[in-house]
Amino acid sequence: MEQQLINLLMFIIPALITGAIAFLFFREFVENENRRREFLIQKDLQKDSLPVRLQAYERLSLYLERIKPSKLLVRVTPTSSIKEDYESLLIANIEQEFDHNLAQQIYVTDKCWSISCTAKNATIQMIRKATLSDKVDSSDKLREVILINLIDKRPPSDAALSFIKEEVSDLW
């Protein structure tokens, strides 16, 4: 009886070891195949989505360039000499540009979108702060003060543009 048990174990142990090795091998094989399939799907999706994402970054860059105060002041001329009217016109123009590019947030990272929104808000703050200045009494003087403020510091959209360039270079 004891001999039969030993003989039985001599057949069962190698079979169990072989079965365990086969199980591990096939499990690893299936996992590798799943990872390969996921990689191929991801690769196909990137091939289709990369141009759309790049276009979104391009549109955001264009938006940030258009709201730079130096370019905004040249493009949007005052309709009256009242500084508050010109301030409202500039801010409305920035908001309109922003609304036109709202859909781009789907294709860019949250951080990129947040930085772009911060640049927009900082530009609006810069305009509002210049309007509150005692030196400003007309729309032409408002333009002058905003441009003088830009001599001392970079426009807010420059930092956002730098971030976009860095993020796009990471896509490659």
N, C-alpha and C. Protein backbone atom coordinates (compact mmCIF):
# COMPACT_ATOMS: atom_id res chain seq x y z
N MET A 1 0.81 -1.17 0.00
CA MET A 1 0.00 0.00 0.00
C MET A 1 0.86 1.25 0.00
N GLU A 2 1.85 1.21 0.83
CA GLU A 2 2.77 2.33 0.89
C GLU A 2 3.50 2.50 -0.43
N GLN A 3 3.88 1.42 -1.04
CA GLN A 3 4.58 1.45 -2.32
C GLN A 3 3.65 2.01 -3.41
N GLN A 4 2.41 1.68 -3.38
CA GLN A 4 1.46 2.18 -4.36
C GLN A 4 1.26 3.70 -4.20
N LEU A 5 1.25 4.15 -2.95
CA LEU A 5 1.10 5.58 -2.68
C LEU A 5 2.31 6.35 -3.19
N ILE A 6 3.50 5.79 -2.99
CA ILE A 6 4.73 6.42 -3.48
C ILE A 6 4.72 6.44 -5.01
N ASN A 7 4.34 5.34 -5.64
CA ASN A 7 4.26 5.29 -7.10
C ASN A 7 3.25 6.31 -7.63
N LEU A 8 2.13 6.40 -6.94
CA LEU A 8 1.10 7.36 -7.33
C LEU A 8 1.62 8.80 -7.22
N LEU A 9 2.33 9.09 -6.14
CA LEU A 9 2.90 10.42 -5.96
C LEU A 9 3.96 10.72 -7.02
N MET A 10 4.71 9.70 -7.42
CA MET A 10 5.75 9.89 -8.44
C MET A 10 5.13 10.25 -9.79
N PHE A 11 3.90 9.83 -10.03
CA PHE A 11 3.23 10.20 -11.27
C PHE A 11 2.48 11.55 -11.13
N ILE A 12 1.91 11.79 -9.96
CA ILE A 12 1.09 12.98 -9.75
C ILE A 12 1.95 14.25 -9.63
N ILE A 13 3.05 14.21 -8.88
CA ILE A 13 3.89 15.39 -8.64
C ILE A 13 4.43 15.94 -9.96
N PRO A 14 5.05 15.14 -10.85
CA PRO A 14 5.51 15.71 -12.12
C PRO A 14 4.35 16.25 -12.97
N ALA A 15 3.19 15.58 -12.90
CA ALA A 15 2.04 16.07 -13.67
C ALA A 15 1.57 17.42 -13.12
N LEU A 16 1.56 17.56 -11.79
CA LEU A 16 1.16 18.84 -11.19
C LEU A 16 2.16 19.95 -11.54
N ILE A 17 3.45 19.63 -11.49
CA ILE A 17 4.47 20.62 -11.84
C ILE A 17 4.33 21.03 -13.31
N THR A 18 4.15 20.05 -14.18
CA THR A 18 3.98 20.33 -15.60
C THR A 18 2.72 21.17 -15.84
N GLY A 19 1.65 20.83 -15.15
CA GLY A 19 0.40 21.57 -15.28
C GLY A 19 0.55 23.01 -14.79
N ALA A 20 1.25 23.19 -13.66
CA ALA A 20 1.46 24.54 -13.12
C ALA A 20 2.30 25.38 -14.08
N ILE A 21 3.36 24.79 -14.63
CA ILE A 21 4.22 25.51 -15.58
C ILE A 21 3.41 25.87 -16.83
N ALA A 22 2.60 24.95 -17.32
CA ALA A 22 1.78 25.23 -18.50
C ALA A 22 0.77 26.33 -18.19
N PHE A 23 0.17 26.28 -17.02
CA PHE A 23 -0.79 27.31 -16.63
C PHE A 23 -0.12 28.69 -16.59
N LEU A 24 1.04 28.78 -15.94
CA LEU A 24 1.76 30.05 -15.85
C LEU A 24 2.17 30.54 -17.24
N PHE A 25 2.65 29.63 -18.07
CA PHE A 25 3.07 30.00 -19.42
C PHE A 25 1.90 30.56 -20.22
N PHE A 26 0.76 29.86 -20.21
CA PHE A 26 -0.40 30.31 -20.97
C PHE A 26 -1.01 31.59 -20.41
N ARG A 27 -0.98 31.74 -19.10
CA ARG A 27 -1.48 32.97 -18.50
C ARG A 27 -0.63 34.16 -18.95
N GLU A 28 0.69 33.99 -18.91
CA GLU A 28 1.61 35.04 -19.37
C GLU A 28 1.41 35.33 -20.86
N PHE A 29 1.21 34.29 -21.62
CA PHE A 29 0.99 34.45 -23.06
C PHE A 29 -0.29 35.24 -23.33
N VAL A 30 -1.35 34.92 -22.63
CA VAL A 30 -2.62 35.61 -22.81
C VAL A 30 -2.50 37.08 -22.38
N GLU A 31 -1.81 37.33 -21.28
CA GLU A 31 -1.62 38.71 -20.83
C GLU A 31 -0.81 39.51 -21.86
N ASN A 32 0.23 38.91 -22.40
CA ASN A 32 1.03 39.59 -23.43
C ASN A 32 0.20 39.89 -24.66
N GLU A 33 -0.63 38.94 -25.06
CA GLU A 33 -1.49 39.16 -26.22
C GLU A 33 -2.48 40.29 -25.96
N ASN A 34 -3.03 40.34 -24.75
CA ASN A 34 -3.96 41.42 -24.41
C ASN A 34 -3.25 42.77 -24.42
N ARG A 35 -2.05 42.83 -23.86
CA ARG A 35 -1.27 44.08 -23.88
C ARG A 35 -0.94 44.49 -25.31
N ARG A 36 -0.61 43.52 -26.16
CA ARG A 36 -0.29 43.81 -27.55
C ARG A 36 -1.51 44.37 -28.27
N ARG A 37 -2.66 43.76 -28.05
CA ARG A 37 -3.89 44.23 -28.67
C ARG A 37 -4.23 45.65 -28.20
N GLU A 38 -4.10 45.88 -26.90
CA GLU A 38 -4.37 47.22 -26.36
C GLU A 38 -3.41 48.24 -26.95
N PHE A 39 -2.15 47.86 -27.10
CA PHE A 39 -1.16 48.75 -27.70
C PHE A 39 -1.53 49.09 -29.13
N LEU A 40 -1.94 48.10 -29.90
CA LEU A 40 -2.31 48.34 -31.29
C LEU A 40 -3.55 49.23 -31.40
N ILE A 41 -4.51 49.00 -30.51
CA ILE A 41 -5.70 49.85 -30.50
C ILE A 41 -5.32 51.28 -30.14
N GLN A 42 -4.48 51.42 -29.11
CA GLN A 42 -4.03 52.75 -28.69
C GLN A 42 -3.27 53.44 -29.81
N LYS A 43 -2.45 52.68 -30.51
CA LYS A 43 -1.67 53.23 -31.62
C LYS A 43 -2.60 53.73 -32.73
N ASP A 44 -3.63 52.96 -33.05
CA ASP A 44 -4.59 53.38 -34.07
C ASP A 44 -5.36 54.62 -33.62
N LEU A 45 -5.74 54.65 -32.33
CA LEU A 45 -6.46 55.82 -31.83
C LEU A 45 -5.59 57.06 -31.87
N GLN A 46 -4.33 56.91 -31.52
CA GLN A 46 -3.41 58.06 -31.56
C GLN A 46 -3.23 58.56 -32.98
N LYS A 47 -3.16 57.64 -33.91
CA LYS A 47 -2.99 58.03 -35.31
C LYS A 47 -4.15 58.91 -35.74
N ASP A 48 -5.35 58.59 -35.27
CA ASP A 48 -6.52 59.37 -35.63
C ASP A 48 -6.68 60.63 -34.78
N SER A 49 -6.32 60.55 -33.50
CA SER A 49 -6.58 61.68 -32.60
C SER A 49 -5.44 62.69 -32.55
N LEU A 50 -4.24 62.31 -32.90
CA LEU A 50 -3.12 63.24 -32.81
C LEU A 50 -3.32 64.48 -33.67
N PRO A 51 -3.76 64.37 -34.92
CA PRO A 51 -3.98 65.60 -35.70
C PRO A 51 -5.03 66.52 -35.06
N VAL A 52 -6.06 65.94 -34.47
CA VAL A 52 -7.10 66.75 -33.84
C VAL A 52 -6.54 67.45 -32.60
N ARG A 53 -5.74 66.74 -31.83
CA ARG A 53 -5.13 67.33 -30.65
C ARG A 53 -4.17 68.45 -31.04
N LEU A 54 -3.37 68.21 -32.07
CA LEU A 54 -2.45 69.25 -32.52
C LEU A 54 -3.20 70.48 -33.00
N GLN A 55 -4.30 70.26 -33.68
CA GLN A 55 -5.12 71.38 -34.14
C GLN A 55 -5.67 72.17 -32.94
N ALA A 56 -6.03 71.47 -31.89
CA ALA A 56 -6.53 72.15 -30.69
C ALA A 56 -5.43 73.01 -30.07
N TYR A 57 -4.23 72.48 -30.01
CA TYR A 57 -3.11 73.26 -29.49
C TYR A 57 -2.83 74.47 -30.38
N GLU A 58 -2.96 74.28 -31.68
CA GLU A 58 -2.76 75.40 -32.61
C GLU A 58 -3.81 76.49 -32.37
N ARG A 59 -5.04 76.08 -32.19
CA ARG A 59 -6.11 77.06 -31.97
C ARG A 59 -5.93 77.79 -30.64
N LEU A 60 -5.50 77.06 -29.63
CA LEU A 60 -5.24 77.72 -28.34
C LEU A 60 -4.08 78.70 -28.46
N SER A 61 -3.06 78.32 -29.23
CA SER A 61 -1.92 79.23 -29.44
C SER A 61 -2.38 80.49 -30.16
N LEU A 62 -3.19 80.32 -31.17
CA LEU A 62 -3.72 81.46 -31.90
C LEU A 62 -4.55 82.35 -30.98
N TYR A 63 -5.37 81.73 -30.15
CA TYR A 63 -6.17 82.48 -29.19
C TYR A 63 -5.28 83.30 -28.24
N LEU A 64 -4.25 82.66 -27.72
CA LEU A 64 -3.36 83.36 -26.79
C LEU A 64 -2.60 84.50 -27.48
N GLU A 65 -2.26 84.30 -28.73
CA GLU A 65 -1.62 85.37 -29.49
C GLU A 65 -2.59 86.53 -29.70
N ARG A 66 -3.84 86.22 -29.97
CA ARG A 66 -4.83 87.26 -30.26
C ARG A 66 -5.20 88.06 -29.02
N ILE A 67 -5.07 87.47 -27.82
CA ILE A 67 -5.41 88.23 -26.61
C ILE A 67 -4.20 88.93 -25.99
N LYS A 68 -3.04 88.79 -26.60
CA LYS A 68 -1.89 89.57 -26.12
C LYS A 68 -2.27 91.03 -26.22
N PRO A 69 -2.09 91.78 -25.14
CA PRO A 69 -2.52 93.18 -25.17
C PRO A 69 -1.94 93.99 -26.33
N SER A 70 -0.69 93.77 -26.68
CA SER A 70 -0.10 94.54 -27.76
C SER A 70 -0.82 94.28 -29.09
N LYS A 71 -1.22 93.08 -29.33
CA LYS A 71 -1.94 92.75 -30.57
C LYS A 71 -3.42 93.09 -30.47
N LEU A 72 -3.97 92.91 -29.29
CA LEU A 72 -5.38 93.21 -29.07
C LEU A 72 -5.65 94.70 -29.25
N LEU A 73 -4.76 95.54 -28.74
CA LEU A 73 -4.95 96.99 -28.83
C LEU A 73 -4.84 97.50 -30.26
N VAL A 74 -4.04 96.83 -31.08
CA VAL A 74 -3.93 97.21 -32.48
C VAL A 74 -5.17 96.77 -33.26
N ARG A 75 -5.66 95.58 -32.94
CA ARG A 75 -6.79 95.01 -33.67
C ARG A 75 -8.13 95.66 -33.27
N VAL A 76 -8.27 95.97 -31.98
CA VAL A 76 -9.54 96.53 -31.48
C VAL A 76 -9.33 98.01 -31.19
N THR A 77 -9.85 98.83 -32.04
CA THR A 77 -9.70 100.28 -31.87
C THR A 77 -10.89 100.84 -31.09
N PRO A 78 -10.66 101.91 -30.34
CA PRO A 78 -11.75 102.50 -29.54
C PRO A 78 -12.85 103.06 -30.43
N THR A 79 -14.08 102.91 -29.97
CA THR A 79 -15.21 103.47 -30.71
C THR A 79 -15.61 104.83 -30.13
N SER A 80 -15.13 105.11 -28.93
CA SER A 80 -15.38 106.42 -28.31
C SER A 80 -14.17 106.77 -27.45
N SER A 81 -14.18 107.93 -26.87
CA SER A 81 -13.04 108.33 -26.04
C SER A 81 -13.23 107.95 -24.57
N ILE A 82 -14.33 107.33 -24.25
CA ILE A 82 -14.62 106.93 -22.87
C ILE A 82 -13.84 105.65 -22.54
N LYS A 83 -13.02 105.74 -21.49
CA LYS A 83 -12.15 104.60 -21.15
C LYS A 83 -12.93 103.35 -20.75
N GLU A 84 -14.05 103.53 -20.05
CA GLU A 84 -14.84 102.37 -19.63
C GLU A 84 -15.44 101.63 -20.82
N ASP A 85 -15.83 102.38 -21.83
CA ASP A 85 -16.37 101.75 -23.04
C ASP A 85 -15.30 100.93 -23.75
N TYR A 86 -14.11 101.49 -23.80
CA TYR A 86 -13.01 100.77 -24.46
C TYR A 86 -12.61 99.54 -23.65
N GLU A 87 -12.60 99.68 -22.33
CA GLU A 87 -12.33 98.53 -21.46
C GLU A 87 -13.34 97.42 -21.72
N SER A 88 -14.60 97.77 -21.77
CA SER A 88 -15.66 96.78 -22.03
C SER A 88 -15.49 96.14 -23.40
N LEU A 89 -15.11 96.94 -24.39
CA LEU A 89 -14.91 96.42 -25.74
C LEU A 89 -13.75 95.42 -25.77
N LEU A 90 -12.66 95.76 -25.10
CA LEU A 90 -11.51 94.85 -25.06
C LEU A 90 -11.86 93.54 -24.36
N ILE A 91 -12.51 93.66 -23.21
CA ILE A 91 -12.87 92.46 -22.44
C ILE A 91 -13.89 91.61 -23.21
N ALA A 92 -14.83 92.26 -23.86
CA ALA A 92 -15.82 91.52 -24.67
C ALA A 92 -15.12 90.78 -25.81
N ASN A 93 -14.12 91.41 -26.39
CA ASN A 93 -13.37 90.77 -27.47
C ASN A 93 -12.62 89.55 -26.95
N ILE A 94 -12.00 89.67 -25.79
CA ILE A 94 -11.29 88.53 -25.18
C ILE A 94 -12.27 87.40 -24.88
N GLU A 95 -13.40 87.74 -24.29
CA GLU A 95 -14.41 86.72 -23.95
C GLU A 95 -14.98 86.06 -25.20
N GLN A 96 -15.17 86.84 -26.24
CA GLN A 96 -15.69 86.27 -27.49
C GLN A 96 -14.68 85.28 -28.09
N GLU A 97 -13.41 85.66 -28.08
CA GLU A 97 -12.36 84.75 -28.57
C GLU A 97 -12.34 83.47 -27.73
N PHE A 98 -12.48 83.64 -26.42
CA PHE A 98 -12.47 82.50 -25.51
C PHE A 98 -13.65 81.58 -25.79
N ASP A 99 -14.83 82.16 -25.92
CA ASP A 99 -16.03 81.36 -26.19
C ASP A 99 -15.90 80.61 -27.51
N HIS A 100 -15.24 81.22 -28.46
CA HIS A 100 -15.06 80.60 -29.76
C HIS A 100 -14.14 79.36 -29.68
N ASN A 101 -13.31 79.31 -28.64
CA ASN A 101 -12.34 78.22 -28.51
C ASN A 101 -12.64 77.29 -27.33
N LEU A 102 -13.82 77.36 -26.79
CA LEU A 102 -14.19 76.53 -25.63
C LEU A 102 -14.06 75.04 -25.90
N ALA A 103 -14.36 74.60 -27.09
CA ALA A 103 -14.35 73.17 -27.39
C ALA A 103 -12.94 72.58 -27.36
N GLN A 104 -11.92 73.41 -27.41
CA GLN A 104 -10.54 72.91 -27.44
C GLN A 104 -10.17 72.21 -26.15
N GLN A 105 -10.88 72.51 -25.06
CA GLN A 105 -10.55 71.90 -23.77
C GLN A 105 -10.71 70.38 -23.78
N ILE A 106 -11.48 69.87 -24.71
CA ILE A 106 -11.67 68.41 -24.81
C ILE A 106 -10.37 67.72 -25.22
N TYR A 107 -9.58 68.40 -26.04
CA TYR A 107 -8.43 67.77 -26.67
C TYR A 107 -7.10 68.08 -26.00
N VAL A 108 -7.09 69.00 -25.05
CA VAL A 108 -5.84 69.35 -24.37
C VAL A 108 -5.93 68.90 -22.91
N THR A 109 -4.79 68.89 -22.24
CA THR A 109 -4.78 68.45 -20.85
C THR A 109 -5.47 69.48 -19.96
N ASP A 110 -5.91 69.05 -18.80
CA ASP A 110 -6.56 69.95 -17.85
C ASP A 110 -5.63 71.08 -17.45
N LYS A 111 -4.37 70.75 -17.26
CA LYS A 111 -3.39 71.77 -16.85
C LYS A 111 -3.22 72.82 -17.95
N CYS A 112 -3.16 72.38 -19.17
CA CYS A 112 -3.02 73.31 -20.30
C CYS A 112 -4.24 74.23 -20.38
N TRP A 113 -5.41 73.68 -20.24
CA TRP A 113 -6.62 74.48 -20.29
C TRP A 113 -6.66 75.47 -19.13
N SER A 114 -6.28 75.01 -17.97
CA SER A 114 -6.27 75.86 -16.78
C SER A 114 -5.30 77.03 -16.96
N ILE A 115 -4.13 76.76 -17.51
CA ILE A 115 -3.15 77.82 -17.74
C ILE A 115 -3.66 78.81 -18.77
N SER A 116 -4.34 78.33 -19.79
CA SER A 116 -4.92 79.22 -20.80
C SER A 116 -6.00 80.11 -20.18
N CYS A 117 -6.82 79.55 -19.32
CA CYS A 117 -7.86 80.34 -18.64
C CYS A 117 -7.23 81.38 -17.71
N THR A 118 -6.16 80.98 -17.05
CA THR A 118 -5.45 81.91 -16.17
C THR A 118 -4.86 83.07 -16.97
N ALA A 119 -4.33 82.78 -18.15
CA ALA A 119 -3.78 83.83 -19.00
C ALA A 119 -4.88 84.80 -19.43
N LYS A 120 -6.03 84.27 -19.75
CA LYS A 120 -7.17 85.11 -20.13
C LYS A 120 -7.57 86.02 -18.97
N ASN A 121 -7.71 85.43 -17.79
CA ASN A 121 -8.12 86.21 -16.62
C ASN A 121 -7.08 87.25 -16.23
N ALA A 122 -5.81 86.90 -16.33
CA ALA A 122 -4.75 87.85 -16.01
C ALA A 122 -4.72 89.01 -17.00
N THR A 123 -5.00 88.74 -18.25
CA THR A 123 -5.06 89.80 -19.27
C THR A 123 -6.22 90.75 -18.97
N ILE A 124 -7.36 90.19 -18.62
CA ILE A 124 -8.52 91.01 -18.27
C ILE A 124 -8.21 91.86 -17.02
N GLN A 125 -7.55 91.24 -16.05
CA GLN A 125 -7.17 91.99 -14.84
C GLN A 125 -6.23 93.13 -15.18
N MET A 126 -5.29 92.89 -16.09
CA MET A 126 -4.34 93.92 -16.50
C MET A 126 -5.09 95.11 -17.11
N ILE A 127 -6.08 94.83 -17.92
CA ILE A 127 -6.87 95.89 -18.56
C ILE A 127 -7.68 96.64 -17.51
N ARG A 128 -8.32 95.91 -16.61
CA ARG A 128 -9.12 96.56 -15.56
C ARG A 128 -8.27 97.41 -14.63
N LYS A 129 -7.11 96.91 -14.28
CA LYS A 129 -6.21 97.65 -13.40
C LYS A 129 -5.75 98.95 -14.07
N ALA A 130 -5.45 98.87 -15.36
CA ALA A 130 -5.03 100.07 -16.08
C ALA A 130 -6.17 101.08 -16.16
N THR A 131 -7.39 100.61 -16.29
CA THR A 131 -8.55 101.50 -16.37
C THR A 131 -8.75 102.25 -15.05
N LEU A 132 -8.45 101.60 -13.95
CA LEU A 132 -8.64 102.22 -12.63
C LEU A 132 -7.57 103.25 -12.30
N SER A 133 -6.52 103.30 -13.09
CA SER A 133 -5.42 104.23 -12.82
C SER A 133 -5.91 105.68 -12.95
N ASP A 134 -5.38 106.54 -12.07
CA ASP A 134 -5.74 107.96 -12.10
C ASP A 134 -5.20 108.66 -13.34
N LYS A 135 -4.13 108.10 -13.93
CA LYS A 135 -3.53 108.70 -15.12
C LYS A 135 -4.43 108.55 -16.35
N VAL A 136 -5.31 107.59 -16.31
CA VAL A 136 -6.13 107.26 -17.48
C VAL A 136 -7.42 108.07 -17.46
N ASP A 137 -7.62 108.88 -18.49
CA ASP A 137 -8.85 109.66 -18.59
C ASP A 137 -9.56 109.49 -19.94
N SER A 138 -8.93 108.72 -20.86
CA SER A 138 -9.55 108.49 -22.16
C SER A 138 -9.15 107.11 -22.67
N SER A 139 -9.79 106.69 -23.73
CA SER A 139 -9.48 105.38 -24.30
C SER A 139 -8.07 105.36 -24.89
N ASP A 140 -7.64 106.46 -25.47
CA ASP A 140 -6.28 106.51 -26.02
C ASP A 140 -5.24 106.43 -24.90
N LYS A 141 -5.51 107.08 -23.79
CA LYS A 141 -4.59 107.02 -22.65
C LYS A 141 -4.58 105.60 -22.07
N LEU A 142 -5.72 104.93 -22.09
CA LEU A 142 -5.80 103.54 -21.62
C LEU A 142 -4.91 102.65 -22.47
N ARG A 143 -4.96 102.81 -23.77
CA ARG A 143 -4.09 102.02 -24.67
C ARG A 143 -2.62 102.27 -24.31
N GLU A 144 -2.29 103.53 -24.10
CA GLU A 144 -0.91 103.91 -23.80
C GLU A 144 -0.44 103.28 -22.49
N VAL A 145 -1.26 103.36 -21.45
CA VAL A 145 -0.89 102.81 -20.14
C VAL A 145 -0.73 101.29 -20.21
N ILE A 146 -1.60 100.62 -20.93
CA ILE A 146 -1.49 99.16 -21.06
C ILE A 146 -0.19 98.80 -21.76
N LEU A 147 0.13 99.50 -22.82
CA LEU A 147 1.38 99.22 -23.55
C LEU A 147 2.61 99.54 -22.70
N ILE A 148 2.56 100.61 -21.91
CA ILE A 148 3.68 100.94 -21.02
C ILE A 148 3.86 99.86 -19.97
N ASN A 149 2.75 99.33 -19.45
CA ASN A 149 2.84 98.24 -18.47
C ASN A 149 3.50 96.99 -19.06
N LEU A 150 3.34 96.79 -20.36
CA LEU A 150 3.93 95.62 -21.01
C LEU A 150 5.44 95.76 -21.19
N ILE A 151 5.94 96.98 -21.09
CA ILE A 151 7.39 97.17 -21.19
C ILE A 151 8.07 96.54 -19.99
N ASP A 152 7.45 96.66 -18.82
CA ASP A 152 8.04 96.15 -17.58
C ASP A 152 7.90 94.65 -17.40
N LYS A 153 6.84 94.09 -17.95
CA LYS A 153 6.62 92.65 -17.75
C LYS A 153 6.05 92.01 -19.00
N ARG A 154 6.21 90.71 -19.08
CA ARG A 154 5.69 89.96 -20.23
C ARG A 154 4.19 89.80 -20.12
N PRO A 155 3.51 89.71 -21.26
CA PRO A 155 2.06 89.48 -21.20
C PRO A 155 1.76 88.08 -20.64
N PRO A 156 0.64 87.93 -19.97
CA PRO A 156 0.29 86.63 -19.36
C PRO A 156 0.23 85.48 -20.36
N SER A 157 -0.14 85.77 -21.58
CA SER A 157 -0.28 84.70 -22.56
C SER A 157 1.07 84.11 -22.97
N ASP A 158 2.17 84.81 -22.73
CA ASP A 158 3.49 84.26 -23.07
C ASP A 158 3.80 82.99 -22.26
N ALA A 159 3.47 83.01 -20.98
CA ALA A 159 3.71 81.83 -20.15
C ALA A 159 2.86 80.65 -20.62
N ALA A 160 1.61 80.93 -20.98
CA ALA A 160 0.73 79.87 -21.47
C ALA A 160 1.23 79.32 -22.80
N LEU A 161 1.72 80.19 -23.67
CA LEU A 161 2.26 79.73 -24.95
C LEU A 161 3.49 78.85 -24.74
N SER A 162 4.32 79.22 -23.80
CA SER A 162 5.50 78.39 -23.49
C SER A 162 5.08 77.01 -23.01
N PHE A 163 4.05 76.98 -22.16
CA PHE A 163 3.56 75.70 -21.67
C PHE A 163 3.01 74.85 -22.81
N ILE A 164 2.27 75.46 -23.72
CA ILE A 164 1.71 74.72 -24.85
C ILE A 164 2.82 74.14 -25.71
N LYS A 165 3.84 74.93 -25.99
CA LYS A 165 4.97 74.44 -26.79
C LYS A 165 5.64 73.25 -26.12
N GLU A 166 5.81 73.33 -24.82
CA GLU A 166 6.42 72.22 -24.07
C GLU A 166 5.54 70.98 -24.12
N GLU A 167 4.25 71.17 -23.96
CA GLU A 167 3.33 70.03 -23.95
C GLU A 167 3.26 69.37 -25.32
N VAL A 168 3.28 70.16 -26.38
CA VAL A 168 3.23 69.61 -27.73
C VAL A 168 4.53 68.86 -28.03
N SER A 169 5.64 69.36 -27.54
CA SER A 169 6.91 68.64 -27.78
C SER A 169 6.92 67.30 -27.06
N ASP A 170 6.16 67.18 -25.98
CA ASP A 170 6.06 65.89 -25.27
C ASP A 170 5.20 64.87 -26.02
N LEU A 171 4.37 65.35 -26.95
CA LEU A 171 3.54 64.42 -27.72
C LEU A 171 4.35 63.57 -28.67
N TRP A 172 5.50 64.04 -29.07
CA TRP A 172 6.32 63.30 -30.02
C TRP A 172 7.06 62.26 -29.27
